[in-house]
Structures are given as C-alpha cells and as structure tokens.
Amino acid sequence: MEKPVDDLSAAAAEWSRENSDYSSIVEGFRANQALLDVLAERRAAVGLSQRQAAERMGTSQSAVNRIEVGETDPRLSTIQRYAAALGSTIRWELVPIAANQPAGEQTAAAPPERIVRAS
C-alpha cells in the first residue's frame, strides 16, 4: 500500500525520479495553462464576459469556463477560435529543448511567458 503524500513538491520530485519524462510532461501542462490564463486575461481586458466570448465562438459559457479553468484540454482549433473571438490571434512557436540539461529535466529554452502571448 502506498503511503499518502502530504507535500505535492515532494511527490513531484519522487515521480520525476521514477519517470524521466515527468518533468517534461509537467512543463507542457504548465505552458498549456499559461496560454489559457493569457486568453482569460485578454477576455477580461477587452471587456467581454464568458457568455459574450462564447457567443462569438458559437459555444456555451460553460465551455469557455472549462477552458479558462483548465478542466478541458481544448483542441488547437478551439484555442484559435477563442483568440479570434477576442480580436486576437495565436502565434505558435516551436522552441528547442535546452541542450545543456540532463534528460528528464529538460525544459523549453524560453519560459512560457515569453513564448505564450496573445496578440
């Protein structure tokens, strides 16, 4: 029986030791959430409610909410439609993995804040 883990950081460190891909997977999820956060911030900045953005996208307010809070893994086309509803576009950028880090600890060469932005 596994012992319960009280500290998420300790659990993440243990999982990283057990699975060399874990860090890369976590970084991918963080980058995804960063993009969704940027979209939510942009929506608020242009003065749209979730309902108004949803109407422009042809979807429901609850679908926009699920996207913003990360309850769903939206398709690229959905992210593009959301950006368009906000009067923006998504610029995709492929960033090489930093070569000087050991396997399993590799992260993108640039932090998500630099590669995730709404125009």
Protein backbone atom coordinates (compact mmCIF):
# COMPACT_ATOMS: atom_id res chain seq x y z
CA MET A 1 0.00 0.00 0.00
CA GLU A 2 1.34 3.42 -0.94
CA LYS A 3 1.75 5.96 1.79
CA PRO A 4 -0.23 9.20 1.36
CA VAL A 5 1.79 12.17 0.18
CA ASP A 6 1.16 15.43 2.01
CA ASP A 7 3.61 17.56 0.07
CA LEU A 8 2.94 17.94 -3.64
CA SER A 9 6.50 19.12 -4.29
CA ALA A 10 7.91 16.02 -2.63
CA ALA A 11 5.56 13.84 -4.66
CA ALA A 12 6.59 15.57 -7.87
CA ALA A 13 10.26 15.05 -7.04
CA GLU A 14 9.64 11.37 -6.40
CA TRP A 15 7.66 10.95 -9.62
CA SER A 16 10.45 12.72 -11.54
CA ARG A 17 12.97 10.21 -10.22
CA GLU A 18 10.71 7.33 -11.20
CA ASN A 19 9.80 8.65 -14.65
CA SER A 20 12.30 10.70 -16.63
CA ASP A 21 9.51 12.15 -18.80
CA TYR A 22 7.53 13.51 -15.83
CA SER A 23 9.25 16.93 -15.76
CA SER A 24 8.65 17.44 -19.47
CA ILE A 25 5.00 16.46 -19.07
CA VAL A 26 4.53 18.89 -16.17
CA GLU A 27 6.20 21.70 -18.13
CA GLY A 28 3.85 21.01 -21.04
CA PHE A 29 0.81 21.27 -18.77
CA ARG A 30 2.16 24.50 -17.25
CA ALA A 31 2.67 26.02 -20.70
CA ASN A 32 -0.86 24.99 -21.70
CA GLN A 33 -2.33 26.57 -18.58
CA ALA A 34 -0.26 29.71 -19.12
CA LEU A 35 -1.83 30.10 -22.56
CA LEU A 36 -5.32 29.59 -21.16
CA ASP A 37 -4.57 32.18 -18.46
CA VAL A 38 -3.47 34.66 -21.13
CA LEU A 39 -6.71 34.09 -23.02
CA ALA A 40 -8.79 34.66 -19.86
CA GLU A 41 -6.82 37.83 -19.09
CA ARG A 42 -7.29 39.05 -22.66
CA ARG A 43 -11.03 38.38 -22.48
CA ALA A 44 -11.28 40.49 -19.33
CA ALA A 45 -9.06 43.21 -20.82
CA VAL A 46 -11.31 43.61 -23.87
CA GLY A 47 -14.35 43.77 -21.58
CA LEU A 48 -16.09 40.57 -22.63
CA SER A 49 -17.92 38.22 -20.31
CA GLN A 50 -17.50 34.50 -20.75
CA ARG A 51 -21.02 34.44 -22.23
CA GLN A 52 -20.15 37.10 -24.81
CA ALA A 53 -16.95 35.32 -25.80
CA ALA A 54 -18.89 32.04 -26.05
CA GLU A 55 -21.49 33.65 -28.33
CA ARG A 56 -18.72 34.87 -30.63
CA MET A 57 -17.21 31.36 -30.67
CA GLY A 58 -20.53 29.62 -31.20
CA THR A 59 -20.34 27.68 -27.95
CA SER A 60 -21.66 27.88 -24.39
CA GLN A 61 -20.48 29.98 -21.45
CA SER A 62 -19.80 26.79 -19.51
CA ALA A 63 -17.46 25.58 -22.29
CA VAL A 64 -15.49 28.84 -22.09
CA ASN A 65 -15.32 28.49 -18.30
CA ARG A 66 -13.99 24.92 -18.60
CA ILE A 67 -11.30 26.15 -20.99
CA GLU A 68 -10.27 29.02 -18.72
CA VAL A 69 -10.01 26.94 -15.55
CA GLY A 70 -8.22 24.08 -17.29
CA GLU A 71 -10.96 21.48 -16.87
CA THR A 72 -10.61 20.50 -20.50
CA ASP A 73 -7.77 20.07 -22.96
CA PRO A 74 -9.03 22.20 -25.85
CA ARG A 75 -8.14 21.48 -29.45
CA LEU A 76 -5.86 23.90 -31.24
CA SER A 77 -8.79 24.97 -33.42
CA THR A 78 -10.80 25.84 -30.29
CA ILE A 79 -7.95 27.94 -28.92
CA GLN A 80 -7.70 29.73 -32.26
CA ARG A 81 -11.48 30.36 -32.30
CA TYR A 82 -11.29 31.71 -28.75
CA ALA A 83 -8.45 34.08 -29.67
CA ALA A 84 -10.38 35.24 -32.76
CA ALA A 85 -13.45 35.91 -30.58
CA LEU A 86 -11.22 38.23 -28.54
CA GLY A 87 -9.96 40.03 -31.64
CA SER A 88 -6.59 38.29 -31.37
CA THR A 89 -4.61 35.53 -32.96
CA ILE A 90 -2.29 32.88 -31.60
CA ARG A 91 1.30 32.80 -32.77
CA TRP A 92 2.71 29.30 -32.42
CA GLU A 93 6.42 28.97 -31.78
CA LEU A 94 8.46 25.80 -31.74
CA VAL A 95 11.23 26.14 -29.14
CA PRO A 96 14.10 23.65 -28.95
CA ILE A 97 14.68 21.92 -25.65
CA ALA A 98 17.65 23.35 -23.79
CA ALA A 99 20.58 21.10 -24.72
CA ASN A 100 22.56 21.59 -21.51
CA GLN A 101 20.05 19.88 -19.21
CA PRO A 102 20.00 16.14 -18.44
CA ALA A 103 17.21 14.05 -19.96
CA GLY A 104 14.07 14.20 -17.84
CA GLU A 105 14.94 17.68 -16.58
CA GLN A 106 14.72 19.38 -19.96
CA THR A 107 12.53 22.41 -20.33
CA ALA A 108 11.90 24.81 -23.16
CA ALA A 109 14.75 27.21 -23.85
CA ALA A 110 12.44 30.15 -23.15
CA PRO A 111 9.96 30.39 -20.26
CA PRO A 112 6.24 30.10 -21.16
CA GLU A 113 5.76 33.83 -20.51
CA ARG A 114 7.99 34.57 -23.50
CA ILE A 115 6.51 32.00 -25.87
CA VAL A 116 2.84 32.25 -24.88
CA ARG A 117 1.21 35.54 -25.68
CA ALA A 118 -1.96 36.79 -27.29
CA SER A 119 -1.61 39.40 -30.00
